[in-house]
Amino acid sequence: MSAGSVRVYADYECDFSEDVDVVVVGSGPAGAVTAKELTDAGLRVALIEEGPPFTPQDFEIDGAISMARTMREGGLRMTQGTVMPTMQGIALGGGSLVNSAICNKAPDFVLDDWCEKFDLENTTLADLDPHYDAVGEFLGIAPTPEKVQGRRNLLFKQGCDALGYSSEPVLRNVKGCRGSGECFTGCRTRAKQSMDVSYVPAAIRRGALVLTSARVESILNDGSKATGVAGRVVAPFTGRASHRFRINARAVVLAAGCMATPVLLEKSGKLANRSGQVGENLQFHPGVAIMGVFPEDVHPAFGATQGYQSKNFLRDGYKLETLWAPPSVLAVRLPGSGMAFKNRLADFARSAIWDAIATCNRSLGRVRTRSRSMTPSLVWRLHPEDVRILTRALWTLSEIFFAAGAKSVVSGVNGIPDEFFSLDEARMLTEHPLRDRDLVLGGNHAFCTTRMHGNPARGVVDEYGRCHDLRNLYITDTGIFPQCPSVNPMWTAMALAHRSAAHISAEL
């Protein structure tokens, strides 16, 4: 098969159309895996991405500038109800361009729960392991080596060890990481195997046509099956629309993300929604973070962005991680103003920031469309029981900090002291009643808005991603998760996409 091609914004000179076997919408982890596997099966594939491609020369170290260029709504997307920022990438490679490359398999007890509650027959860990393994081998997923951990990550291990909590180096899709801590703004060394340097080039080598700066606005269909997609060419960073395009296909795969996919289905005539579940059941892994200040320099800018984790408390509802991002981004979590805030910033060199993400299956929301816009409206509320889980996670992080030798921790929680100087003082985190608005939240893992279910009346797709209503319309992004996976979702999304691609190619 001859090599494919990539089109960028400057290449579009007029309206155009293409005929392919399969069109895949979205070049993030799920879409890129789907496209590559389908091209390997000998199918003609078009992979469409609304954002532009980036090279290391395009990356901006300044966090605010980087977010404005690589993320939806300039990185300022928020939920209503419980107000929480949520970041989604808009670039070739999707969120993999700016995430921390964390790879975790969903725990067996989570997948067993999915199967039991959502009438799934073939989605246990044993069922998915071959697909996890195929993705892991292709990307070189491996534990973060100690030489690139840096003190920020190893202090976390030290604290966990002192308390008897299990911890482990994070498995990541990287090759030759130098520990520069720049995952959030784009890996300038290209060590991170984001989709734009791994799966997408592999798909191109096998013949895929990749269209960047192309926004899909409707799914074409004849009432019984999908026939392709249509949309507009859009300028990078501004979204200004120009030429129109149409891609005719024998099958359509939506991997635009659990927020964009429901909007696209709704604006295409309420497609695939006989169950009434499109856009419903929005779930997140809401996250909280805490800063520990040590007596000596930690040099937090060096080391893998998120190199260590603890899954000790997964069954209690939370996972613990180390964290780094540009100081301008982390600073929004710090309390105080004026000179007090400047002093907090001066502590950064002696500080580490660790975070927790929570499994919040009780905390639900929805995705709705806006008139004359493809930008979703998000409503989500954090359940009071999940508030308690997150505050318990903050307490556990405080324990680990003091066990690792921190002289103080800065919680950033409203209604309690800004800084604790002992573990006894930190007990206020578990003793003081807190509300959702007291926590500084962030939720970048989102799921469930087109959930899989064995019963077509209760879900949008089957466990292979095929829509119950249109047999040649598939969804492979995290919207098909029936519930939170309890750990970082990327590897699971790719494993499910790998499995879906085999079924699509068999159907065609």
Protein backbone atom coordinates (compact mmCIF):
# COMPACT_ATOMS: atom_id res chain seq x y z
CA MET A 1 0.00 0.00 0.00
CA SER A 2 1.33 3.45 -0.88
CA ALA A 3 2.01 5.99 1.85
CA GLY A 4 -0.71 8.41 2.86
CA SER A 5 -0.47 12.15 3.34
CA VAL A 6 -1.10 14.99 5.78
CA ARG A 7 -2.88 18.21 4.91
CA VAL A 8 -2.43 21.35 6.97
CA TYR A 9 -4.34 24.61 6.89
CA ALA A 10 -2.19 26.16 4.15
CA ASP A 11 -2.95 23.23 1.83
CA TYR A 12 -6.68 23.93 1.52
CA GLU A 13 -7.53 26.10 -1.46
CA CYS A 14 -11.16 25.20 -2.18
CA ASP A 15 -14.06 23.00 -1.13
CA PHE A 16 -13.26 19.30 -1.50
CA SER A 17 -14.51 15.75 -1.01
CA GLU A 18 -12.89 12.35 -0.55
CA ASP A 19 -14.07 8.74 -0.74
CA VAL A 20 -12.67 6.25 1.80
CA ASP A 21 -13.59 3.02 3.53
CA VAL A 22 -13.57 4.50 7.03
CA VAL A 23 -13.46 8.04 8.34
CA VAL A 24 -12.17 8.52 11.91
CA VAL A 25 -13.03 11.79 13.67
CA GLY A 26 -10.42 12.79 16.24
CA SER A 27 -6.68 12.02 16.37
CA GLY A 28 -6.28 11.54 20.10
CA PRO A 29 -5.32 8.18 21.65
CA ALA A 30 -8.49 6.29 20.67
CA GLY A 31 -8.80 7.77 17.19
CA ALA A 32 -5.14 7.33 16.32
CA VAL A 33 -5.12 3.68 17.40
CA THR A 34 -8.31 3.03 15.44
CA ALA A 35 -6.92 4.64 12.29
CA LYS A 36 -3.62 2.78 12.43
CA GLU A 37 -5.21 -0.61 13.04
CA LEU A 38 -7.69 -0.10 10.20
CA THR A 39 -4.95 0.87 7.77
CA ASP A 40 -3.03 -2.24 8.86
CA ALA A 41 -6.12 -4.22 7.83
CA GLY A 42 -5.81 -2.77 4.32
CA LEU A 43 -8.62 -0.23 4.54
CA ARG A 44 -8.49 3.27 3.09
CA VAL A 45 -8.80 5.60 6.10
CA ALA A 46 -9.25 9.33 6.54
CA LEU A 47 -8.30 10.65 10.00
CA ILE A 48 -9.73 14.10 10.71
CA GLU A 49 -8.44 16.50 13.39
CA GLU A 50 -9.79 19.96 14.14
CA GLY A 51 -6.50 21.20 15.56
CA PRO A 52 -3.15 21.77 13.81
CA PRO A 53 0.01 19.68 14.03
CA PHE A 54 2.74 20.89 16.37
CA THR A 55 6.51 20.54 16.16
CA PRO A 56 8.94 21.20 19.04
CA GLN A 57 9.55 24.66 17.57
CA ASP A 58 5.84 25.41 18.07
CA PHE A 59 5.76 24.54 21.78
CA GLU A 60 5.51 27.40 24.28
CA ILE A 61 7.02 26.93 27.73
CA ASP A 62 4.78 29.65 29.15
CA GLY A 63 1.81 27.72 30.53
CA ALA A 64 -0.85 30.31 29.68
CA ILE A 65 0.32 30.67 26.08
CA SER A 66 0.61 26.93 25.67
CA MET A 67 -2.92 26.34 26.97
CA ALA A 68 -4.33 29.00 24.66
CA ARG A 69 -2.80 27.25 21.66
CA THR A 70 -3.25 23.56 22.45
CA MET A 71 -6.47 23.32 24.47
CA ARG A 72 -10.17 23.79 23.89
CA GLU A 73 -11.48 27.21 24.88
CA GLY A 74 -7.92 28.30 25.59
CA GLY A 75 -7.70 25.87 28.51
CA LEU A 76 -10.51 27.76 30.30
CA ARG A 77 -13.33 25.25 29.78
CA MET A 78 -15.40 24.88 32.95
CA THR A 79 -18.31 22.85 34.25
CA GLN A 80 -21.39 24.53 35.63
CA GLY A 81 -23.06 23.38 38.85
CA THR A 82 -19.89 22.47 40.66
CA VAL A 83 -17.41 24.77 38.98
CA MET A 84 -14.38 22.81 37.83
CA PRO A 85 -11.87 23.46 35.03
CA THR A 86 -11.48 20.66 32.50
CA MET A 87 -8.86 20.63 29.76
CA GLN A 88 -9.16 18.90 26.38
CA GLY A 89 -6.54 19.10 23.65
CA ILE A 90 -7.11 20.52 20.18
CA ALA A 91 -4.08 19.42 18.16
CA LEU A 92 -2.88 16.51 16.08
CA GLY A 93 -2.51 13.81 18.72
CA GLY A 94 -5.26 15.27 20.90
CA GLY A 95 -4.72 15.16 24.64
CA SER A 96 -1.68 12.91 24.27
CA LEU A 97 0.29 15.97 23.13
CA VAL A 98 -0.10 17.65 26.54
CA ASN A 99 -0.79 14.86 29.03
CA SER A 100 1.74 13.22 31.33
CA ALA A 101 1.93 9.93 29.37
CA ILE A 102 0.51 7.98 32.32
CA CYS A 103 -0.55 4.45 31.37
CA ASN A 104 -2.60 2.33 33.76
CA LYS A 105 -4.71 -0.72 33.07
CA ALA A 106 -8.17 -0.48 34.57
CA PRO A 107 -8.25 -2.67 37.71
CA ASP A 108 -9.88 -6.08 37.39
CA PHE A 109 -12.49 -5.21 40.01
CA VAL A 110 -13.55 -2.14 38.01
CA LEU A 111 -13.92 -4.08 34.76
CA ASP A 112 -15.79 -6.86 36.54
CA ASP A 113 -18.16 -4.23 37.91
CA TRP A 114 -18.68 -2.81 34.41
CA CYS A 115 -19.58 -6.25 33.10
CA GLU A 116 -22.02 -6.96 35.91
CA LYS A 117 -23.80 -3.60 35.97
CA PHE A 118 -23.89 -2.89 32.24
CA ASP A 119 -24.61 -6.30 30.73
CA LEU A 120 -21.18 -6.70 29.15
CA GLU A 121 -19.91 -10.19 28.35
CA ASN A 122 -16.39 -9.69 27.02
CA THR A 123 -14.82 -6.73 28.85
CA THR A 124 -12.98 -8.31 31.76
CA LEU A 125 -9.28 -7.67 32.26
CA ALA A 126 -8.57 -11.07 30.70
CA ASP A 127 -10.55 -10.01 27.63
CA LEU A 128 -8.71 -6.70 27.28
CA ASP A 129 -5.20 -7.84 28.21
CA PRO A 130 -4.23 -8.80 24.61
CA HIS A 131 -5.25 -5.34 23.46
CA TYR A 132 -3.45 -3.61 26.34
CA ASP A 133 -0.36 -5.65 25.47
CA ALA A 134 -0.50 -4.79 21.75
CA VAL A 135 -0.69 -1.07 22.51
CA GLY A 136 1.96 -1.31 25.21
CA GLU A 137 4.41 -3.04 22.90
CA PHE A 138 3.86 -0.52 20.09
CA LEU A 139 4.36 2.50 22.37
CA GLY A 140 7.10 1.05 24.55
CA ILE A 141 5.08 1.51 27.73
CA ALA A 142 7.40 0.91 30.70
CA PRO A 143 8.01 2.04 34.30
CA THR A 144 9.65 5.43 34.77
CA PRO A 145 13.35 4.77 35.53
CA GLU A 146 14.85 6.17 38.71
CA LYS A 147 17.42 8.26 36.84
CA VAL A 148 14.69 10.61 35.56
CA GLN A 149 12.49 10.61 38.68
CA GLY A 150 14.02 13.62 40.39
CA ARG A 151 13.69 14.36 44.09
CA ARG A 152 10.06 15.51 43.80
CA ASN A 153 8.97 12.02 42.76
CA LEU A 154 11.31 10.06 45.03
CA LEU A 155 10.18 11.97 48.11
CA PHE A 156 6.69 10.62 47.41
CA LYS A 157 8.07 7.08 47.41
CA GLN A 158 9.97 7.82 50.61
CA GLY A 159 6.83 9.02 52.37
CA CYS A 160 4.76 6.06 51.17
CA ASP A 161 7.45 3.62 52.28
CA ALA A 162 7.58 5.18 55.75
CA LEU A 163 3.82 4.71 56.15
CA GLY A 164 3.63 1.26 54.59
CA TYR A 165 1.56 2.49 51.64
CA SER A 166 2.25 0.76 48.34
CA SER A 167 3.64 2.95 45.55
CA GLU A 168 5.26 2.38 42.19
CA PRO A 169 6.95 4.14 39.29
CA VAL A 170 4.35 5.28 36.76
CA LEU A 171 4.13 3.31 33.51
CA ARG A 172 4.47 5.80 30.65
CA ASN A 173 4.54 5.79 26.85
CA VAL A 174 7.97 7.41 26.52
CA LYS A 175 11.28 6.52 24.89
CA GLY A 176 14.41 8.28 26.11
CA CYS A 177 12.77 10.63 28.63
CA ARG A 178 15.24 13.16 30.08
CA GLY A 179 13.09 14.20 33.03
CA SER A 180 12.56 17.74 31.78
CA GLY A 181 9.05 17.93 33.29
CA GLU A 182 7.60 19.59 30.18
CA CYS A 183 4.84 17.11 29.33
CA PHE A 184 2.14 19.72 29.91
CA THR A 185 3.48 22.15 27.31
CA GLY A 186 4.65 19.54 24.79
CA CYS A 187 7.71 17.32 24.92
CA ARG A 188 10.48 19.20 23.10
CA THR A 189 12.74 16.14 23.07
CA ARG A 190 9.96 14.08 21.44
CA ALA A 191 10.56 11.37 24.03
CA LYS A 192 6.86 11.21 24.84
CA GLN A 193 5.22 8.88 22.36
CA SER A 194 2.18 11.06 21.80
CA MET A 195 -0.07 10.01 18.95
CA ASP A 196 1.41 12.55 16.53
CA VAL A 197 4.82 10.83 16.74
CA SER A 198 3.63 7.23 17.08
CA TYR A 199 0.29 5.96 15.87
CA VAL A 200 -0.52 8.74 13.40
CA PRO A 201 2.76 8.42 11.43
CA ALA A 202 2.29 4.64 11.42
CA ALA A 203 -1.17 5.11 9.90
CA ILE A 204 0.23 7.50 7.30
CA ARG A 205 2.92 5.02 6.31
CA ARG A 206 0.16 2.50 5.66
CA GLY A 207 -1.84 4.89 3.48
CA ALA A 208 -4.03 7.00 5.78
CA LEU A 209 -5.10 10.47 4.71
CA VAL A 210 -4.78 12.86 7.67
CA LEU A 211 -6.71 16.13 7.52
CA THR A 212 -5.74 18.68 10.17
CA SER A 213 -7.47 22.01 10.83
CA ALA A 214 -10.70 20.32 9.70
CA ARG A 215 -13.78 20.50 11.94
CA VAL A 216 -16.46 17.88 11.43
CA GLU A 217 -19.90 19.45 11.89
CA SER A 218 -22.29 16.69 10.82
CA ILE A 219 -22.51 12.95 10.34
CA LEU A 220 -24.03 12.12 6.98
CA ASN A 221 -26.61 9.34 6.98
CA ASP A 222 -29.57 7.97 5.07
CA GLY A 223 -31.63 7.09 8.12
CA SER A 224 -30.42 3.51 8.35
CA LYS A 225 -26.65 3.89 8.12
CA ALA A 226 -23.92 6.50 8.27
CA THR A 227 -22.53 7.53 4.90
CA GLY A 228 -19.75 9.93 5.88
CA VAL A 229 -19.09 13.29 7.52
CA ALA A 230 -19.08 16.93 6.48
CA GLY A 231 -17.54 20.06 7.94
CA ARG A 232 -15.38 23.13 7.50
CA VAL A 233 -11.71 23.92 7.35
CA VAL A 234 -10.81 26.09 10.37
CA ALA A 235 -7.83 28.34 11.00
CA PRO A 236 -5.49 27.25 13.81
CA PHE A 237 -6.01 29.05 17.15
CA THR A 238 -8.88 31.26 15.90
CA GLY A 239 -11.30 28.65 14.57
CA ARG A 240 -12.26 30.90 11.67
CA ALA A 241 -14.11 28.71 9.15
CA SER A 242 -13.35 28.68 5.43
CA HIS A 243 -13.69 25.86 2.89
CA ARG A 244 -16.25 23.07 3.14
CA PHE A 245 -15.43 19.39 2.91
CA ARG A 246 -17.24 16.08 2.66
CA ILE A 247 -15.81 12.61 3.33
CA ASN A 248 -17.87 9.71 2.01
CA ALA A 249 -17.24 6.45 3.85
CA ARG A 250 -18.54 2.94 4.37
CA ALA A 251 -18.15 3.35 8.14
CA VAL A 252 -17.77 6.30 10.49
CA VAL A 253 -15.80 6.22 13.75
CA LEU A 254 -16.25 9.02 16.29
CA ALA A 255 -13.26 9.54 18.57
CA ALA A 256 -13.70 13.27 19.12
CA GLY A 257 -13.87 12.99 22.91
CA CYS A 258 -16.70 12.46 25.34
CA MET A 259 -17.73 16.12 25.12
CA ALA A 260 -17.50 16.70 21.37
CA THR A 261 -19.00 13.39 20.24
CA PRO A 262 -22.42 13.96 21.89
CA VAL A 263 -22.61 17.44 20.38
CA LEU A 264 -21.85 16.03 16.94
CA LEU A 265 -24.51 13.34 17.29
CA GLU A 266 -27.08 15.87 18.49
CA LYS A 267 -26.37 18.31 15.68
CA SER A 268 -26.63 15.48 13.13
CA GLY A 269 -30.32 14.95 13.83
CA LYS A 270 -30.12 13.36 17.29
CA LEU A 271 -28.34 10.32 15.88
CA ALA A 272 -27.81 7.11 17.87
CA ASN A 273 -30.02 8.29 20.72
CA ARG A 274 -32.90 5.86 20.87
CA SER A 275 -31.79 5.15 24.44
CA GLY A 276 -31.83 8.82 25.43
CA GLN A 277 -28.33 8.40 26.86
CA VAL A 278 -26.32 10.58 24.45
CA GLY A 279 -24.79 13.39 26.48
CA GLU A 280 -25.97 11.94 29.79
CA ASN A 281 -23.98 10.34 32.65
CA LEU A 282 -21.00 12.73 32.36
CA GLN A 283 -18.40 11.62 34.88
CA PHE A 284 -14.93 12.86 35.81
CA HIS A 285 -12.00 11.94 37.94
CA PRO A 286 -12.03 15.23 39.88
CA GLY A 287 -8.61 15.97 41.26
CA VAL A 288 -7.22 17.87 44.22
CA ALA A 289 -3.62 18.77 44.94
CA ILE A 290 -1.53 19.84 47.90
CA MET A 291 1.91 21.41 48.23
CA GLY A 292 4.53 20.32 50.72
CA VAL A 293 7.38 22.64 51.67
CA PHE A 294 10.69 21.02 52.65
CA PRO A 295 13.64 22.42 54.62
CA GLU A 296 15.97 22.08 51.62
CA ASP A 297 15.77 22.48 47.86
CA VAL A 298 13.68 19.92 46.00
CA HIS A 299 14.38 21.25 42.49
CA PRO A 300 10.84 20.31 41.41
CA ALA A 301 11.29 21.35 37.78
CA PHE A 302 13.53 18.34 37.23
CA GLY A 303 12.04 14.88 36.95
CA ALA A 304 9.32 13.06 35.08
CA THR A 305 6.17 15.17 35.17
CA GLN A 306 4.26 12.47 37.01
CA GLY A 307 6.74 9.72 37.78
CA TYR A 308 5.36 8.02 40.88
CA GLN A 309 1.90 6.91 41.98
CA SER A 310 0.09 4.98 44.68
CA LYS A 311 -2.89 2.73 43.95
CA ASN A 312 -3.05 1.72 47.60
CA PHE A 313 -6.42 3.43 48.05
CA LEU A 314 -8.20 2.55 44.79
CA ARG A 315 -10.88 0.56 46.57
CA ASP A 316 -11.38 3.55 48.90
CA GLY A 317 -12.08 5.69 45.86
CA TYR A 318 -8.85 7.58 45.15
CA LYS A 319 -5.46 7.32 43.49
CA LEU A 320 -2.39 9.37 44.45
CA GLU A 321 0.20 10.86 42.07
CA THR A 322 3.14 13.20 41.91
CA LEU A 323 2.64 16.28 39.75
CA TRP A 324 4.44 19.05 37.93
CA ALA A 325 3.31 21.75 35.52
CA PRO A 326 4.47 25.29 34.66
CA PRO A 327 4.61 27.36 37.88
CA SER A 328 2.12 29.84 36.43
CA VAL A 329 -0.42 27.01 36.18
CA LEU A 330 0.32 25.55 39.60
CA ALA A 331 0.21 28.98 41.22
CA VAL A 332 -3.55 29.30 40.71
CA ARG A 333 -3.96 26.67 43.43
CA LEU A 334 -2.03 28.71 46.01
CA PRO A 335 -3.81 30.76 48.67
CA GLY A 336 -3.05 34.34 49.60
CA SER A 337 -2.35 37.58 47.78
CA GLY A 338 0.20 40.35 47.72
CA MET A 339 3.40 39.70 49.66
CA ALA A 340 2.01 36.47 51.16
CA PHE A 341 1.46 35.12 47.66
CA LYS A 342 4.96 36.18 46.58
CA ASN A 343 6.38 34.30 49.54
CA ARG A 344 4.49 31.19 48.48
CA LEU A 345 6.06 31.45 45.04
CA ALA A 346 9.48 31.84 46.65
CA ASP A 347 8.91 28.48 48.35
CA PHE A 348 8.55 26.66 45.02
CA ALA A 349 12.20 25.59 44.87
CA ARG A 350 11.77 23.77 48.19
CA SER A 351 8.36 22.35 47.39
CA ALA A 352 6.66 19.40 45.77
CA ILE A 353 3.07 19.18 44.60
CA TRP A 354 1.20 15.89 44.72
CA ASP A 355 -2.36 15.20 43.69
CA ALA A 356 -5.22 12.74 44.01
CA ILE A 357 -7.89 11.75 41.51
CA ALA A 358 -11.15 10.24 42.73
CA THR A 359 -13.57 7.65 41.41
CA CYS A 360 -16.80 9.61 41.55
CA ASN A 361 -19.53 7.43 40.09
CA ARG A 362 -22.14 9.27 42.17
CA SER A 363 -21.15 12.65 40.73
CA LEU A 364 -22.99 13.01 37.44
CA GLY A 365 -23.52 15.64 34.77
CA ARG A 366 -24.50 16.09 31.16
CA VAL A 367 -23.29 17.54 27.87
CA ARG A 368 -25.62 19.82 25.93
CA THR A 369 -25.29 21.67 22.64
CA ARG A 370 -25.24 25.42 22.12
CA SER A 371 -26.96 27.12 19.22
CA ARG A 372 -24.62 28.05 16.35
CA SER A 373 -21.62 26.50 18.09
CA MET A 374 -19.87 23.14 18.37
CA THR A 375 -18.67 24.07 21.88
CA PRO A 376 -20.49 21.99 24.51
CA SER A 377 -22.32 23.21 27.58
CA LEU A 378 -21.26 21.15 30.60
CA VAL A 379 -23.25 20.74 33.81
CA TRP A 380 -21.83 18.54 36.57
CA ARG A 381 -22.16 18.32 40.34
CA LEU A 382 -19.84 16.79 42.90
CA HIS A 383 -21.77 14.53 45.25
CA PRO A 384 -21.30 15.21 49.00
CA GLU A 385 -19.98 11.67 49.54
CA ASP A 386 -17.34 12.31 46.88
CA VAL A 387 -16.36 15.55 48.63
CA ARG A 388 -15.52 13.40 51.63
CA ILE A 389 -13.43 11.05 49.50
CA LEU A 390 -11.42 13.97 48.11
CA THR A 391 -10.82 15.50 51.55
CA ARG A 392 -9.70 12.08 52.79
CA ALA A 393 -7.27 11.98 49.87
CA LEU A 394 -5.88 15.38 50.89
CA TRP A 395 -5.36 14.04 54.40
CA THR A 396 -3.49 11.03 53.03
CA LEU A 397 -1.26 13.27 50.93
CA SER A 398 -0.55 15.33 54.05
CA GLU A 399 0.45 12.16 55.87
CA ILE A 400 2.86 11.25 53.09
CA PHE A 401 4.37 14.74 52.99
CA PHE A 402 5.12 14.83 56.72
CA ALA A 403 6.42 11.25 56.59
CA ALA A 404 8.79 12.37 53.81
CA GLY A 405 10.15 15.23 55.92
CA ALA A 406 8.08 18.26 54.86
CA LYS A 407 8.06 21.13 57.35
CA SER A 408 4.59 22.24 56.27
CA VAL A 409 1.80 21.56 53.78
CA VAL A 410 -0.29 24.12 51.93
CA SER A 411 -3.78 22.78 51.33
CA GLY A 412 -5.41 25.56 49.32
CA VAL A 413 -8.77 24.56 50.83
CA ASN A 414 -11.28 27.28 51.66
CA GLY A 415 -12.46 27.60 55.23
CA ILE A 416 -9.43 26.06 56.97
CA PRO A 417 -5.93 27.42 57.63
CA ASP A 418 -3.81 27.92 54.51
CA GLU A 419 -0.86 26.03 55.95
CA PHE A 420 -0.38 23.17 58.39
CA PHE A 421 2.88 22.66 60.30
CA SER A 422 2.12 19.26 61.76
CA LEU A 423 0.02 16.22 61.04
CA ASP A 424 -2.17 17.02 64.05
CA GLU A 425 -3.03 20.38 62.50
CA ALA A 426 -3.77 18.68 59.17
CA ARG A 427 -6.47 16.56 60.84
CA MET A 428 -8.79 19.49 60.26
CA LEU A 429 -9.08 18.21 56.68
CA THR A 430 -11.07 15.23 57.91
CA GLU A 431 -12.79 16.90 60.88
CA HIS A 432 -14.00 20.16 59.34
CA PRO A 433 -17.16 19.85 57.16
CA LEU A 434 -16.28 20.94 53.62
CA ARG A 435 -18.41 21.66 50.55
CA ASP A 436 -17.58 21.17 46.90
CA ARG A 437 -16.91 24.90 46.48
CA ASP A 438 -14.28 24.78 49.24
CA LEU A 439 -12.01 22.56 47.13
CA VAL A 440 -9.75 23.66 44.28
CA LEU A 441 -10.73 21.05 41.70
CA GLY A 442 -9.55 20.02 38.28
CA GLY A 443 -10.98 17.25 36.12
CA ASN A 444 -9.26 16.33 32.86
CA HIS A 445 -10.38 12.68 32.72
CA ALA A 446 -13.97 12.63 31.45
CA PHE A 447 -16.20 9.70 30.49
CA CYS A 448 -19.56 8.00 29.97
CA THR A 449 -21.56 10.37 27.73
CA THR A 450 -22.12 7.69 25.07
CA ARG A 451 -21.80 4.74 27.40
CA MET A 452 -21.60 1.09 26.39
CA HIS A 453 -24.36 -1.19 27.56
CA GLY A 454 -25.52 -4.63 26.51
CA ASN A 455 -29.12 -3.38 26.56
CA PRO A 456 -29.79 -0.97 23.64
CA ALA A 457 -32.43 0.78 25.73
CA ARG A 458 -29.83 1.77 28.33
CA GLY A 459 -26.70 2.59 26.34
CA VAL A 460 -25.48 4.14 23.10
CA VAL A 461 -22.97 1.51 21.93
CA ASP A 462 -22.22 -2.16 22.50
CA GLU A 463 -18.97 -3.24 24.10
CA TYR A 464 -17.19 -3.10 20.73
CA GLY A 465 -18.12 0.56 20.24
CA ARG A 466 -20.79 -0.04 17.60
CA CYS A 467 -23.84 2.21 17.95
CA HIS A 468 -26.98 0.24 18.70
CA ASP A 469 -28.97 2.40 16.25
CA LEU A 470 -26.62 2.56 13.22
CA ARG A 471 -24.49 -0.52 12.71
CA ASN A 472 -21.75 1.20 10.69
CA LEU A 473 -21.38 4.09 13.16
CA TYR A 474 -18.81 3.46 15.90
CA ILE A 475 -17.57 5.43 18.92
CA THR A 476 -14.15 4.72 20.43
CA ASP A 477 -13.42 7.66 22.77
CA THR A 478 -13.83 7.63 26.56
CA GLY A 479 -17.51 8.47 26.22
CA ILE A 480 -18.12 4.73 25.83
CA PHE A 481 -16.80 3.96 29.33
CA PRO A 482 -19.82 2.93 31.42
CA GLN A 483 -18.27 4.34 34.60
CA CYS A 484 -15.02 5.89 35.84
CA PRO A 485 -12.07 3.52 35.37
CA SER A 486 -10.54 4.59 38.74
CA VAL A 487 -7.14 5.16 37.07
CA ASN A 488 -5.82 7.30 34.23
CA PRO A 489 -7.92 6.34 31.19
CA MET A 490 -5.61 6.59 28.18
CA TRP A 491 -4.35 3.00 28.02
CA THR A 492 -7.87 1.61 28.51
CA ALA A 493 -9.25 3.86 25.78
CA MET A 494 -6.52 2.68 23.40
CA ALA A 495 -7.10 -0.99 24.29
CA LEU A 496 -10.82 -0.67 23.64
CA ALA A 497 -10.10 1.15 20.35
CA HIS A 498 -7.68 -1.60 19.35
CA ARG A 499 -10.43 -4.15 19.91
CA SER A 500 -13.05 -2.05 18.10
CA ALA A 501 -10.81 -1.68 15.04
CA ALA A 502 -10.66 -5.46 14.67
CA HIS A 503 -14.45 -5.63 14.67
CA ILE A 504 -14.81 -2.78 12.21
CA SER A 505 -12.38 -4.35 9.75
CA ALA A 506 -14.17 -7.70 10.10
CA GLU A 507 -17.53 -6.04 9.37
CA LEU A 508 -16.17 -4.34 6.25
